[in-house]
N, C-alpha and C. Protein backbone atom coordinates (compact mmCIF):
# COMPACT_ATOMS: atom_id res chain seq x y z
N MET A 1 50.41 34.61 55.98
CA MET A 1 49.31 34.07 56.79
C MET A 1 49.86 33.15 57.87
N SER A 2 49.41 33.32 59.09
CA SER A 2 49.91 32.52 60.20
C SER A 2 49.28 31.13 60.22
N VAL A 3 50.02 30.18 60.76
CA VAL A 3 49.55 28.80 60.90
C VAL A 3 49.45 28.50 62.39
N ASN A 4 48.23 28.28 62.88
CA ASN A 4 48.00 27.99 64.30
C ASN A 4 48.12 26.49 64.55
N ILE A 5 48.92 26.13 65.55
CA ILE A 5 49.25 24.73 65.81
C ILE A 5 48.97 24.37 67.27
N ILE A 6 48.44 23.18 67.49
CA ILE A 6 48.29 22.62 68.83
C ILE A 6 49.22 21.42 68.95
N LEU A 7 49.95 21.34 70.06
CA LEU A 7 50.84 20.21 70.33
C LEU A 7 50.20 19.30 71.36
N ALA A 8 50.19 18.00 71.09
CA ALA A 8 49.62 17.02 72.03
C ALA A 8 50.63 15.91 72.28
N ASP A 9 51.19 15.90 73.48
CA ASP A 9 52.16 14.87 73.88
C ASP A 9 52.22 14.88 75.40
N ASP A 10 52.34 13.70 76.00
CA ASP A 10 52.32 13.64 77.46
C ASP A 10 53.68 13.87 78.10
N HIS A 11 54.70 14.16 77.28
CA HIS A 11 56.02 14.44 77.82
C HIS A 11 56.33 15.94 77.68
N THR A 12 56.42 16.61 78.81
CA THR A 12 56.59 18.07 78.82
C THR A 12 57.85 18.51 78.09
N LEU A 13 58.97 17.86 78.35
CA LEU A 13 60.23 18.25 77.72
C LEU A 13 60.17 18.11 76.21
N PHE A 14 59.51 17.07 75.74
CA PHE A 14 59.39 16.88 74.30
C PHE A 14 58.55 17.98 73.69
N ARG A 15 57.44 18.34 74.34
CA ARG A 15 56.60 19.43 73.85
C ARG A 15 57.38 20.75 73.80
N GLN A 16 58.20 20.97 74.82
CA GLN A 16 58.98 22.20 74.85
C GLN A 16 59.96 22.26 73.69
N GLY A 17 60.53 21.11 73.34
CA GLY A 17 61.43 21.06 72.20
C GLY A 17 60.71 21.38 70.90
N LEU A 18 59.51 20.82 70.74
CA LEU A 18 58.71 21.11 69.55
C LEU A 18 58.32 22.58 69.51
N LEU A 19 57.97 23.11 70.67
CA LEU A 19 57.57 24.51 70.76
C LEU A 19 58.68 25.42 70.26
N SER A 20 59.90 25.13 70.67
CA SER A 20 61.05 25.93 70.27
C SER A 20 61.27 25.86 68.76
N ILE A 21 61.16 24.65 68.20
CA ILE A 21 61.37 24.47 66.77
C ILE A 21 60.30 25.21 65.96
N LEU A 22 59.05 25.05 66.35
CA LEU A 22 57.95 25.60 65.56
C LEU A 22 57.84 27.11 65.70
N ASN A 23 58.07 27.63 66.89
CA ASN A 23 57.97 29.07 67.08
C ASN A 23 59.09 29.84 66.37
N ASP A 24 60.16 29.12 66.02
CA ASP A 24 61.25 29.75 65.27
C ASP A 24 60.95 29.86 63.78
N GLU A 25 59.90 29.14 63.35
CA GLU A 25 59.54 29.16 61.94
C GLU A 25 58.58 30.32 61.66
N LEU A 26 58.91 31.15 60.72
CA LEU A 26 58.11 32.32 60.39
C LEU A 26 56.67 31.91 60.03
N GLY A 27 55.73 32.50 60.74
CA GLY A 27 54.31 32.26 60.45
C GLY A 27 53.69 31.14 61.26
N PHE A 28 54.52 30.35 61.97
CA PHE A 28 53.99 29.26 62.79
C PHE A 28 53.75 29.76 64.21
N ILE A 29 52.57 29.48 64.75
CA ILE A 29 52.24 29.89 66.11
C ILE A 29 51.64 28.70 66.86
N VAL A 30 52.29 28.28 67.95
CA VAL A 30 51.73 27.23 68.80
C VAL A 30 50.74 27.89 69.75
N VAL A 31 49.46 27.63 69.54
CA VAL A 31 48.41 28.31 70.30
C VAL A 31 48.04 27.58 71.59
N ALA A 32 48.40 26.29 71.69
CA ALA A 32 48.06 25.53 72.90
C ALA A 32 48.84 24.23 72.93
N GLN A 33 48.93 23.65 74.14
CA GLN A 33 49.56 22.36 74.34
C GLN A 33 48.65 21.48 75.18
N ALA A 34 48.69 20.18 74.91
CA ALA A 34 47.87 19.22 75.66
C ALA A 34 48.73 18.03 76.05
N GLU A 35 48.42 17.43 77.19
CA GLU A 35 49.21 16.28 77.65
C GLU A 35 48.46 14.96 77.53
N ASN A 36 47.21 15.00 77.03
CA ASN A 36 46.51 13.75 76.74
C ASN A 36 45.47 14.00 75.66
N GLY A 37 44.96 12.92 75.09
CA GLY A 37 44.04 13.03 73.98
C GLY A 37 42.75 13.73 74.31
N ARG A 38 42.25 13.52 75.50
CA ARG A 38 40.98 14.15 75.90
C ARG A 38 41.13 15.66 75.96
N GLU A 39 42.30 16.10 76.44
CA GLU A 39 42.55 17.53 76.56
C GLU A 39 42.67 18.18 75.19
N VAL A 40 43.32 17.52 74.24
CA VAL A 40 43.49 18.13 72.93
C VAL A 40 42.16 18.24 72.19
N VAL A 41 41.27 17.29 72.41
CA VAL A 41 39.94 17.38 71.79
C VAL A 41 39.20 18.60 72.33
N LYS A 42 39.28 18.83 73.63
CA LYS A 42 38.63 20.00 74.23
C LYS A 42 39.23 21.29 73.71
N LEU A 43 40.56 21.33 73.60
CA LEU A 43 41.23 22.54 73.12
C LEU A 43 40.85 22.85 71.67
N ALA A 44 40.75 21.81 70.87
CA ALA A 44 40.43 21.99 69.45
C ALA A 44 39.02 22.56 69.27
N ARG A 45 38.14 22.26 70.22
CA ARG A 45 36.78 22.81 70.13
C ARG A 45 36.76 24.30 70.44
N LYS A 46 37.71 24.75 71.26
CA LYS A 46 37.74 26.16 71.67
C LYS A 46 38.57 27.03 70.74
N LEU A 47 39.63 26.45 70.19
CA LEU A 47 40.61 27.23 69.42
C LEU A 47 40.52 26.93 67.93
N SER A 48 40.94 27.88 67.16
CA SER A 48 40.98 27.69 65.71
C SER A 48 42.39 27.26 65.32
N ALA A 49 42.60 25.95 65.27
CA ALA A 49 43.93 25.42 64.95
C ALA A 49 43.94 24.87 63.53
N ASP A 50 44.98 25.19 62.81
CA ASP A 50 45.13 24.68 61.45
C ASP A 50 45.72 23.28 61.45
N VAL A 51 46.64 23.03 62.38
CA VAL A 51 47.35 21.75 62.44
C VAL A 51 47.45 21.29 63.89
N ILE A 52 47.29 19.99 64.11
CA ILE A 52 47.50 19.40 65.42
C ILE A 52 48.59 18.34 65.29
N VAL A 53 49.67 18.51 66.04
CA VAL A 53 50.75 17.52 66.06
C VAL A 53 50.47 16.60 67.24
N MET A 54 50.24 15.32 66.94
CA MET A 54 49.64 14.40 67.91
C MET A 54 50.51 13.17 68.18
N ASP A 55 50.82 12.95 69.45
CA ASP A 55 51.44 11.69 69.85
C ASP A 55 50.36 10.61 69.85
N ILE A 56 50.76 9.36 69.76
CA ILE A 56 49.78 8.26 69.79
C ILE A 56 49.57 7.75 71.21
N ALA A 57 50.67 7.46 71.91
CA ALA A 57 50.58 6.85 73.24
C ALA A 57 50.41 7.93 74.31
N MET A 58 49.14 8.27 74.58
CA MET A 58 48.83 9.24 75.62
C MET A 58 47.80 8.67 76.57
N PRO A 59 47.83 9.08 77.84
CA PRO A 59 46.87 8.56 78.82
C PRO A 59 45.46 9.07 78.59
N GLU A 60 44.49 8.34 79.14
CA GLU A 60 43.06 8.66 79.12
C GLU A 60 42.42 8.52 77.75
N LEU A 61 43.02 9.12 76.72
CA LEU A 61 42.52 8.95 75.36
C LEU A 61 43.72 8.99 74.42
N ASN A 62 43.94 7.88 73.71
CA ASN A 62 45.12 7.80 72.85
C ASN A 62 44.96 8.65 71.59
N GLY A 63 46.07 8.84 70.88
CA GLY A 63 46.07 9.70 69.72
C GLY A 63 45.18 9.24 68.59
N ILE A 64 45.02 7.93 68.43
CA ILE A 64 44.18 7.42 67.36
C ILE A 64 42.72 7.80 67.60
N GLU A 65 42.24 7.56 68.82
CA GLU A 65 40.84 7.89 69.13
C GLU A 65 40.62 9.39 69.18
N ALA A 66 41.62 10.13 69.67
CA ALA A 66 41.50 11.59 69.70
C ALA A 66 41.39 12.12 68.27
N THR A 67 42.21 11.59 67.38
CA THR A 67 42.15 12.01 65.98
C THR A 67 40.80 11.67 65.37
N ARG A 68 40.29 10.50 65.66
CA ARG A 68 38.99 10.10 65.12
C ARG A 68 37.90 11.08 65.54
N GLN A 69 37.92 11.48 66.81
CA GLN A 69 36.93 12.43 67.31
C GLN A 69 37.10 13.81 66.67
N LEU A 70 38.35 14.25 66.56
CA LEU A 70 38.62 15.56 65.98
C LEU A 70 38.16 15.65 64.53
N ILE A 71 38.48 14.63 63.75
CA ILE A 71 38.11 14.63 62.33
C ILE A 71 36.61 14.50 62.16
N HIS A 72 35.97 13.76 63.06
CA HIS A 72 34.51 13.62 62.99
C HIS A 72 33.85 14.98 63.21
N GLU A 73 34.38 15.76 64.15
CA GLU A 73 33.80 17.06 64.47
C GLU A 73 34.20 18.13 63.46
N ASN A 74 35.42 18.01 62.92
CA ASN A 74 35.89 18.99 61.95
C ASN A 74 36.79 18.30 60.91
N PRO A 75 36.20 17.86 59.80
CA PRO A 75 36.96 17.12 58.78
C PRO A 75 38.13 17.91 58.19
N ASP A 76 38.13 19.23 58.34
CA ASP A 76 39.21 20.04 57.78
C ASP A 76 40.44 20.10 58.68
N THR A 77 40.34 19.55 59.88
CA THR A 77 41.48 19.55 60.79
C THR A 77 42.62 18.72 60.21
N LYS A 78 43.83 19.26 60.25
CA LYS A 78 45.01 18.55 59.75
C LYS A 78 45.78 17.98 60.94
N VAL A 79 45.81 16.69 61.05
CA VAL A 79 46.50 16.02 62.16
C VAL A 79 47.75 15.33 61.64
N ILE A 80 48.86 15.58 62.32
CA ILE A 80 50.11 14.89 62.02
C ILE A 80 50.50 14.06 63.23
N ALA A 81 50.64 12.76 63.04
CA ALA A 81 51.09 11.90 64.13
C ALA A 81 52.60 12.02 64.27
N LEU A 82 53.05 12.15 65.50
CA LEU A 82 54.49 12.19 65.78
C LEU A 82 54.73 11.15 66.86
N SER A 83 55.28 10.00 66.46
CA SER A 83 55.30 8.85 67.36
C SER A 83 56.64 8.11 67.32
N MET A 84 56.89 7.34 68.36
CA MET A 84 58.07 6.49 68.39
C MET A 84 57.78 5.15 67.69
N HIS A 85 56.50 4.91 67.35
CA HIS A 85 56.09 3.62 66.78
C HIS A 85 56.08 3.68 65.25
N SER A 86 56.83 2.76 64.61
CA SER A 86 56.82 2.68 63.16
C SER A 86 56.04 1.46 62.67
N ASP A 87 55.47 0.70 63.60
CA ASP A 87 54.70 -0.48 63.25
C ASP A 87 53.50 -0.10 62.38
N ARG A 88 53.22 -0.91 61.35
CA ARG A 88 52.16 -0.58 60.42
C ARG A 88 50.80 -0.46 61.10
N HIS A 89 50.61 -1.17 62.21
CA HIS A 89 49.31 -1.10 62.88
C HIS A 89 49.04 0.32 63.38
N PHE A 90 50.05 0.96 63.96
CA PHE A 90 49.88 2.32 64.46
C PHE A 90 49.73 3.31 63.31
N VAL A 91 50.54 3.11 62.27
CA VAL A 91 50.50 4.04 61.13
C VAL A 91 49.13 3.99 60.45
N THR A 92 48.68 2.79 60.11
CA THR A 92 47.39 2.67 59.44
C THR A 92 46.25 3.08 60.35
N GLY A 93 46.40 2.85 61.66
CA GLY A 93 45.38 3.27 62.62
C GLY A 93 45.19 4.77 62.60
N MET A 94 46.30 5.51 62.61
CA MET A 94 46.22 6.97 62.58
C MET A 94 45.67 7.48 61.25
N LEU A 95 46.12 6.90 60.15
CA LEU A 95 45.65 7.34 58.84
C LEU A 95 44.16 7.05 58.67
N LYS A 96 43.75 5.89 59.13
CA LYS A 96 42.33 5.53 59.03
C LYS A 96 41.48 6.45 59.91
N ALA A 97 42.05 6.92 61.01
CA ALA A 97 41.32 7.85 61.89
C ALA A 97 41.20 9.23 61.27
N GLY A 98 42.05 9.52 60.27
CA GLY A 98 41.94 10.80 59.58
C GLY A 98 43.19 11.65 59.56
N ALA A 99 44.29 11.15 60.14
CA ALA A 99 45.55 11.92 60.12
C ALA A 99 46.06 12.07 58.69
N LYS A 100 46.70 13.20 58.42
CA LYS A 100 47.25 13.46 57.09
C LYS A 100 48.76 13.21 57.04
N GLY A 101 49.37 13.07 58.22
CA GLY A 101 50.82 12.85 58.24
C GLY A 101 51.23 11.92 59.35
N TYR A 102 52.39 11.29 59.18
CA TYR A 102 52.91 10.40 60.21
C TYR A 102 54.43 10.50 60.20
N LEU A 103 55.00 10.98 61.32
CA LEU A 103 56.44 11.12 61.47
C LEU A 103 56.92 10.35 62.69
N LEU A 104 58.18 9.94 62.66
CA LEU A 104 58.79 9.31 63.83
C LEU A 104 59.43 10.38 64.69
N LYS A 105 59.48 10.15 65.99
CA LYS A 105 59.95 11.18 66.92
C LYS A 105 61.42 11.52 66.77
N ASP A 106 62.18 10.67 66.10
CA ASP A 106 63.59 11.00 65.92
C ASP A 106 63.84 11.76 64.61
N CYS A 107 62.76 12.26 63.99
CA CYS A 107 62.93 13.02 62.75
C CYS A 107 63.55 14.39 63.05
N ALA A 108 64.12 14.99 62.04
CA ALA A 108 64.70 16.33 62.20
C ALA A 108 63.60 17.37 62.21
N GLY A 109 63.90 18.52 62.83
CA GLY A 109 62.92 19.58 62.92
C GLY A 109 62.44 20.07 61.57
N ASP A 110 63.35 20.10 60.58
CA ASP A 110 62.95 20.61 59.26
C ASP A 110 61.98 19.66 58.56
N GLU A 111 62.03 18.36 58.93
CA GLU A 111 61.07 17.43 58.33
C GLU A 111 59.67 17.68 58.89
N LEU A 112 59.58 18.00 60.18
CA LEU A 112 58.28 18.32 60.77
C LEU A 112 57.70 19.56 60.10
N ILE A 113 58.53 20.55 59.90
CA ILE A 113 58.07 21.78 59.23
C ILE A 113 57.60 21.49 57.82
N ARG A 114 58.36 20.64 57.12
CA ARG A 114 57.98 20.25 55.75
C ARG A 114 56.65 19.50 55.76
N ALA A 115 56.47 18.62 56.74
CA ALA A 115 55.22 17.85 56.84
C ALA A 115 54.03 18.77 57.08
N ILE A 116 54.20 19.76 57.95
CA ILE A 116 53.12 20.70 58.23
C ILE A 116 52.72 21.45 56.96
N ARG A 117 53.70 21.88 56.20
CA ARG A 117 53.40 22.62 54.97
C ARG A 117 52.70 21.72 53.95
N GLU A 118 53.07 20.45 53.92
CA GLU A 118 52.44 19.52 52.98
C GLU A 118 50.98 19.25 53.34
N VAL A 119 50.70 18.99 54.61
CA VAL A 119 49.31 18.68 54.99
C VAL A 119 48.41 19.91 54.84
N LEU A 120 48.98 21.09 54.98
CA LEU A 120 48.19 22.30 54.77
C LEU A 120 47.72 22.42 53.32
N LEU A 121 48.43 21.74 52.42
CA LEU A 121 48.05 21.69 51.01
C LEU A 121 47.13 20.49 50.74
N ASP A 122 46.68 19.86 51.83
CA ASP A 122 45.79 18.68 51.78
C ASP A 122 46.47 17.48 51.13
N ARG A 123 47.78 17.36 51.36
CA ARG A 123 48.54 16.20 50.90
C ARG A 123 48.94 15.35 52.09
N TYR A 124 49.17 14.07 51.84
CA TYR A 124 49.70 13.20 52.89
C TYR A 124 51.21 13.38 52.99
N TYR A 125 51.72 13.22 54.21
CA TYR A 125 53.17 13.20 54.39
C TYR A 125 53.52 12.05 55.34
N ILE A 126 54.24 11.08 54.83
CA ILE A 126 54.65 9.92 55.62
C ILE A 126 56.17 9.90 55.72
N SER A 127 56.69 9.71 56.92
CA SER A 127 58.13 9.69 57.14
C SER A 127 58.82 8.74 56.18
N GLU A 128 59.96 9.17 55.67
CA GLU A 128 60.71 8.35 54.73
C GLU A 128 61.18 7.04 55.37
N GLU A 129 61.25 6.99 56.68
CA GLU A 129 61.72 5.79 57.37
C GLU A 129 60.63 4.72 57.45
N ILE A 130 59.41 5.08 57.09
CA ILE A 130 58.31 4.13 57.12
C ILE A 130 58.10 3.60 55.72
N SER A 131 58.02 2.29 55.61
CA SER A 131 57.88 1.66 54.29
C SER A 131 56.64 2.14 53.57
N THR A 132 56.74 2.31 52.25
CA THR A 132 55.58 2.68 51.45
C THR A 132 54.52 1.59 51.48
N ASN A 133 54.92 0.37 51.84
CA ASN A 133 53.95 -0.72 51.94
C ASN A 133 52.91 -0.44 53.02
N VAL A 134 53.31 0.33 54.03
CA VAL A 134 52.37 0.68 55.10
C VAL A 134 51.25 1.54 54.53
N PHE A 135 51.61 2.52 53.73
CA PHE A 135 50.60 3.39 53.12
C PHE A 135 49.71 2.58 52.18
N ASP A 136 50.30 1.65 51.43
CA ASP A 136 49.52 0.79 50.54
C ASP A 136 48.52 -0.03 51.33
N ASP A 137 48.94 -0.48 52.52
CA ASP A 137 48.06 -1.27 53.37
C ASP A 137 46.87 -0.42 53.81
N TYR A 138 47.12 0.84 54.10
CA TYR A 138 46.05 1.75 54.48
C TYR A 138 45.05 1.92 53.34
N VAL A 139 45.54 2.05 52.12
CA VAL A 139 44.66 2.20 50.96
C VAL A 139 43.78 0.97 50.81
N VAL A 140 44.36 -0.21 51.02
CA VAL A 140 43.60 -1.46 50.93
C VAL A 140 42.47 -1.45 51.95
N LYS A 141 42.76 -1.00 53.16
CA LYS A 141 41.73 -0.93 54.21
C LYS A 141 40.61 0.03 53.80
N LEU A 142 40.97 1.12 53.14
CA LEU A 142 39.98 2.12 52.73
C LEU A 142 38.98 1.55 51.74
N VAL A 143 39.44 0.68 50.85
CA VAL A 143 38.53 0.15 49.84
C VAL A 143 37.70 -1.01 50.36
N GLY A 144 37.86 -1.32 51.66
CA GLY A 144 36.89 -2.20 52.28
C GLY A 144 37.27 -3.63 52.50
N GLU A 145 38.54 -3.96 52.50
CA GLU A 145 38.92 -5.32 52.84
C GLU A 145 38.52 -5.60 54.26
N GLY A 146 38.02 -6.79 54.55
CA GLY A 146 37.48 -7.11 55.85
C GLY A 146 38.47 -6.94 56.99
N ASN A 147 37.94 -6.60 58.14
CA ASN A 147 38.76 -6.46 59.35
C ASN A 147 38.56 -7.70 60.20
N GLU A 148 39.66 -8.38 60.50
CA GLU A 148 39.55 -9.64 61.23
C GLU A 148 39.20 -9.42 62.70
N ASN A 149 39.37 -8.19 63.18
CA ASN A 149 39.06 -7.90 64.57
C ASN A 149 37.64 -7.39 64.71
N PRO A 150 36.96 -7.73 65.81
CA PRO A 150 35.61 -7.20 66.04
C PRO A 150 35.68 -5.69 66.21
N GLU A 151 34.67 -5.00 65.69
CA GLU A 151 34.69 -3.54 65.71
C GLU A 151 34.04 -3.00 66.98
N LEU A 152 34.85 -2.36 67.79
CA LEU A 152 34.34 -1.69 68.97
C LEU A 152 33.92 -0.28 68.57
N THR A 153 32.92 0.25 69.27
CA THR A 153 32.52 1.63 69.02
C THR A 153 33.58 2.56 69.61
N GLY A 154 33.53 3.83 69.23
CA GLY A 154 34.47 4.80 69.78
C GLY A 154 34.41 4.86 71.29
N ARG A 155 33.21 4.86 71.85
CA ARG A 155 33.05 4.92 73.31
C ARG A 155 33.59 3.66 73.96
N GLU A 156 33.37 2.50 73.34
CA GLU A 156 33.89 1.25 73.90
C GLU A 156 35.41 1.25 73.91
N LYS A 157 36.03 1.83 72.89
CA LYS A 157 37.48 1.93 72.87
C LYS A 157 37.99 2.84 73.97
N GLU A 158 37.26 3.93 74.24
CA GLU A 158 37.64 4.83 75.32
C GLU A 158 37.58 4.10 76.66
N VAL A 159 36.50 3.36 76.88
CA VAL A 159 36.34 2.62 78.12
C VAL A 159 37.42 1.56 78.25
N LEU A 160 37.71 0.85 77.16
CA LEU A 160 38.73 -0.19 77.19
C LEU A 160 40.10 0.38 77.54
N GLN A 161 40.45 1.53 76.95
CA GLN A 161 41.74 2.14 77.28
C GLN A 161 41.82 2.46 78.77
N LEU A 162 40.76 3.02 79.32
CA LEU A 162 40.76 3.39 80.73
C LEU A 162 40.81 2.15 81.64
N ILE A 163 40.15 1.08 81.23
CA ILE A 163 40.24 -0.19 81.97
C ILE A 163 41.67 -0.68 81.97
N ALA A 164 42.29 -0.65 80.78
CA ALA A 164 43.67 -1.13 80.64
C ALA A 164 44.64 -0.28 81.46
N GLU A 165 44.31 0.99 81.66
CA GLU A 165 45.17 1.88 82.44
C GLU A 165 44.88 1.80 83.94
N GLY A 166 44.04 0.84 84.33
CA GLY A 166 43.82 0.58 85.75
C GLY A 166 42.77 1.44 86.42
N LYS A 167 41.96 2.14 85.63
CA LYS A 167 40.93 3.00 86.22
C LYS A 167 39.76 2.15 86.72
N ALA A 168 39.25 2.50 87.88
CA ALA A 168 38.08 1.83 88.44
C ALA A 168 36.82 2.32 87.73
N THR A 169 35.73 1.58 87.88
CA THR A 169 34.48 1.92 87.20
C THR A 169 34.02 3.33 87.53
N GLN A 170 34.09 3.71 88.80
CA GLN A 170 33.66 5.06 89.20
C GLN A 170 34.54 6.13 88.54
N GLU A 171 35.84 5.87 88.47
CA GLU A 171 36.76 6.83 87.84
C GLU A 171 36.43 6.99 86.35
N ILE A 172 36.16 5.86 85.70
CA ILE A 172 35.83 5.91 84.27
C ILE A 172 34.56 6.73 84.05
N ALA A 173 33.58 6.50 84.92
CA ALA A 173 32.31 7.23 84.81
C ALA A 173 32.55 8.74 84.95
N GLU A 174 33.41 9.13 85.87
CA GLU A 174 33.68 10.55 86.09
C GLU A 174 34.45 11.16 84.93
N ILE A 175 35.42 10.42 84.39
CA ILE A 175 36.22 10.93 83.27
C ILE A 175 35.37 11.12 82.02
N LEU A 176 34.46 10.18 81.77
CA LEU A 176 33.66 10.21 80.54
C LEU A 176 32.30 10.90 80.73
N TYR A 177 32.01 11.32 81.97
CA TYR A 177 30.74 11.99 82.28
C TYR A 177 29.54 11.11 81.93
N ILE A 178 29.65 9.85 82.32
CA ILE A 178 28.55 8.90 82.14
C ILE A 178 28.31 8.19 83.47
N SER A 179 27.22 7.46 83.54
CA SER A 179 26.88 6.78 84.80
C SER A 179 27.70 5.50 84.97
N VAL A 180 27.81 5.05 86.23
CA VAL A 180 28.48 3.79 86.53
C VAL A 180 27.78 2.64 85.80
N LYS A 181 26.47 2.71 85.75
CA LYS A 181 25.70 1.66 85.07
C LYS A 181 26.06 1.60 83.59
N THR A 182 26.26 2.75 82.97
CA THR A 182 26.63 2.78 81.55
C THR A 182 28.02 2.20 81.34
N VAL A 183 28.94 2.51 82.25
CA VAL A 183 30.29 1.95 82.17
C VAL A 183 30.22 0.43 82.23
N GLU A 184 29.43 -0.08 83.17
CA GLU A 184 29.31 -1.53 83.32
C GLU A 184 28.72 -2.15 82.06
N ALA A 185 27.77 -1.46 81.44
CA ALA A 185 27.16 -1.98 80.20
C ALA A 185 28.20 -2.04 79.09
N HIS A 186 29.02 -0.99 78.99
CA HIS A 186 30.09 -0.99 77.99
C HIS A 186 31.09 -2.11 78.26
N ARG A 187 31.40 -2.32 79.53
CA ARG A 187 32.35 -3.37 79.90
C ARG A 187 31.86 -4.74 79.45
N VAL A 188 30.57 -5.00 79.65
CA VAL A 188 29.98 -6.27 79.25
C VAL A 188 30.04 -6.43 77.73
N LYS A 189 29.69 -5.36 77.01
CA LYS A 189 29.71 -5.42 75.54
C LYS A 189 31.12 -5.66 75.01
N ILE A 190 32.11 -5.00 75.64
CA ILE A 190 33.50 -5.17 75.22
C ILE A 190 33.94 -6.61 75.39
N LYS A 191 33.65 -7.17 76.56
CA LYS A 191 34.04 -8.56 76.84
C LYS A 191 33.36 -9.53 75.87
N THR A 192 32.09 -9.24 75.57
CA THR A 192 31.33 -10.11 74.68
C THR A 192 31.89 -10.05 73.25
N LYS A 193 32.14 -8.85 72.77
CA LYS A 193 32.66 -8.69 71.41
C LYS A 193 34.05 -9.31 71.24
N LEU A 194 34.88 -9.11 72.25
CA LEU A 194 36.27 -9.58 72.15
C LEU A 194 36.44 -11.02 72.61
N LYS A 195 35.40 -11.53 73.28
CA LYS A 195 35.47 -12.88 73.85
C LYS A 195 36.63 -12.98 74.85
N LEU A 196 36.78 -11.94 75.64
CA LEU A 196 37.81 -11.88 76.68
C LEU A 196 37.14 -11.57 78.01
N ASN A 197 37.63 -12.18 79.08
CA ASN A 197 36.95 -12.02 80.36
C ASN A 197 37.77 -11.33 81.45
N SER A 198 39.08 -11.48 81.39
CA SER A 198 39.90 -10.93 82.48
C SER A 198 40.53 -9.58 82.12
N ILE A 199 40.88 -8.82 83.14
CA ILE A 199 41.54 -7.53 82.94
C ILE A 199 42.88 -7.71 82.21
N PRO A 200 43.71 -8.69 82.59
CA PRO A 200 44.97 -8.88 81.85
C PRO A 200 44.76 -9.14 80.36
N GLU A 201 43.72 -9.93 80.02
CA GLU A 201 43.44 -10.21 78.62
C GLU A 201 43.01 -8.94 77.89
N LEU A 202 42.17 -8.14 78.53
CA LEU A 202 41.71 -6.89 77.93
C LEU A 202 42.87 -5.91 77.77
N THR A 203 43.75 -5.91 78.77
CA THR A 203 44.91 -5.01 78.71
C THR A 203 45.84 -5.39 77.56
N LYS A 204 46.10 -6.68 77.40
CA LYS A 204 46.95 -7.14 76.30
C LYS A 204 46.35 -6.75 74.95
N TYR A 205 45.03 -6.89 74.84
CA TYR A 205 44.35 -6.54 73.60
C TYR A 205 44.49 -5.05 73.33
N ALA A 206 44.29 -4.23 74.37
CA ALA A 206 44.37 -2.77 74.22
C ALA A 206 45.76 -2.34 73.76
N ILE A 207 46.79 -2.97 74.31
CA ILE A 207 48.17 -2.64 73.91
C ILE A 207 48.42 -3.07 72.47
N ARG A 208 47.97 -4.28 72.13
CA ARG A 208 48.18 -4.80 70.78
C ARG A 208 47.49 -3.95 69.72
N GLU A 209 46.31 -3.41 70.08
CA GLU A 209 45.55 -2.62 69.12
C GLU A 209 45.93 -1.13 69.14
N GLY A 210 46.92 -0.78 69.95
CA GLY A 210 47.39 0.60 69.96
C GLY A 210 46.53 1.54 70.75
N LEU A 211 45.62 1.03 71.58
CA LEU A 211 44.77 1.89 72.40
C LEU A 211 45.55 2.49 73.56
N THR A 212 46.55 1.77 74.02
CA THR A 212 47.41 2.27 75.09
C THR A 212 48.75 1.55 75.00
N SER A 213 49.79 2.20 75.49
CA SER A 213 51.11 1.55 75.51
C SER A 213 51.55 1.31 76.94
N LEU A 214 50.84 1.93 77.89
CA LEU A 214 51.19 1.83 79.31
C LEU A 214 52.63 2.23 79.54
N GLU A 215 53.10 3.26 78.84
CA GLU A 215 54.47 3.73 79.01
C GLU A 215 54.67 4.33 80.39
């Protein structure tokens, strides 16, 4: 039985390397590639993908929010994060969004293949280089320990990422297919919830929370 895979990463050369590794594996088929989170969400709606290999730091919509949307629309989707970030905030963010695996970008190709096979069995796969304490932290969050940060809605996080990436209000409205007035309303709510007023403050918050890396 074939395994259909979508690759999501904003670096073309890196995607090409993954494509070569995965297409060499018997039964694995890369059906599409995306260079940002918004694109991979659209592709997943059109294509029947068994696994999505997802970078975290992508423009327009980061991997955490893209994963959250994908899992909300199709809980059976298997997402594996492939990132340069080993910080527990990014790892737990992806797992909480619904990812089943988390690998570092310097992993060997055979580990990625092993991870794909594990998540297809509905098991978690976490890179050996990431402390098991990170996974334990994720479990603690699942059972409901309070979150010290104010909770932004999914749409507010999308708007905040685009603000942090320097997009103007009109651009944000066009990207999200909403009105300028709605963007402004989201902006006000974001500032109120976070108690932050300036663009630099919002940008620092977005980077700290893993919404964007501005790479």
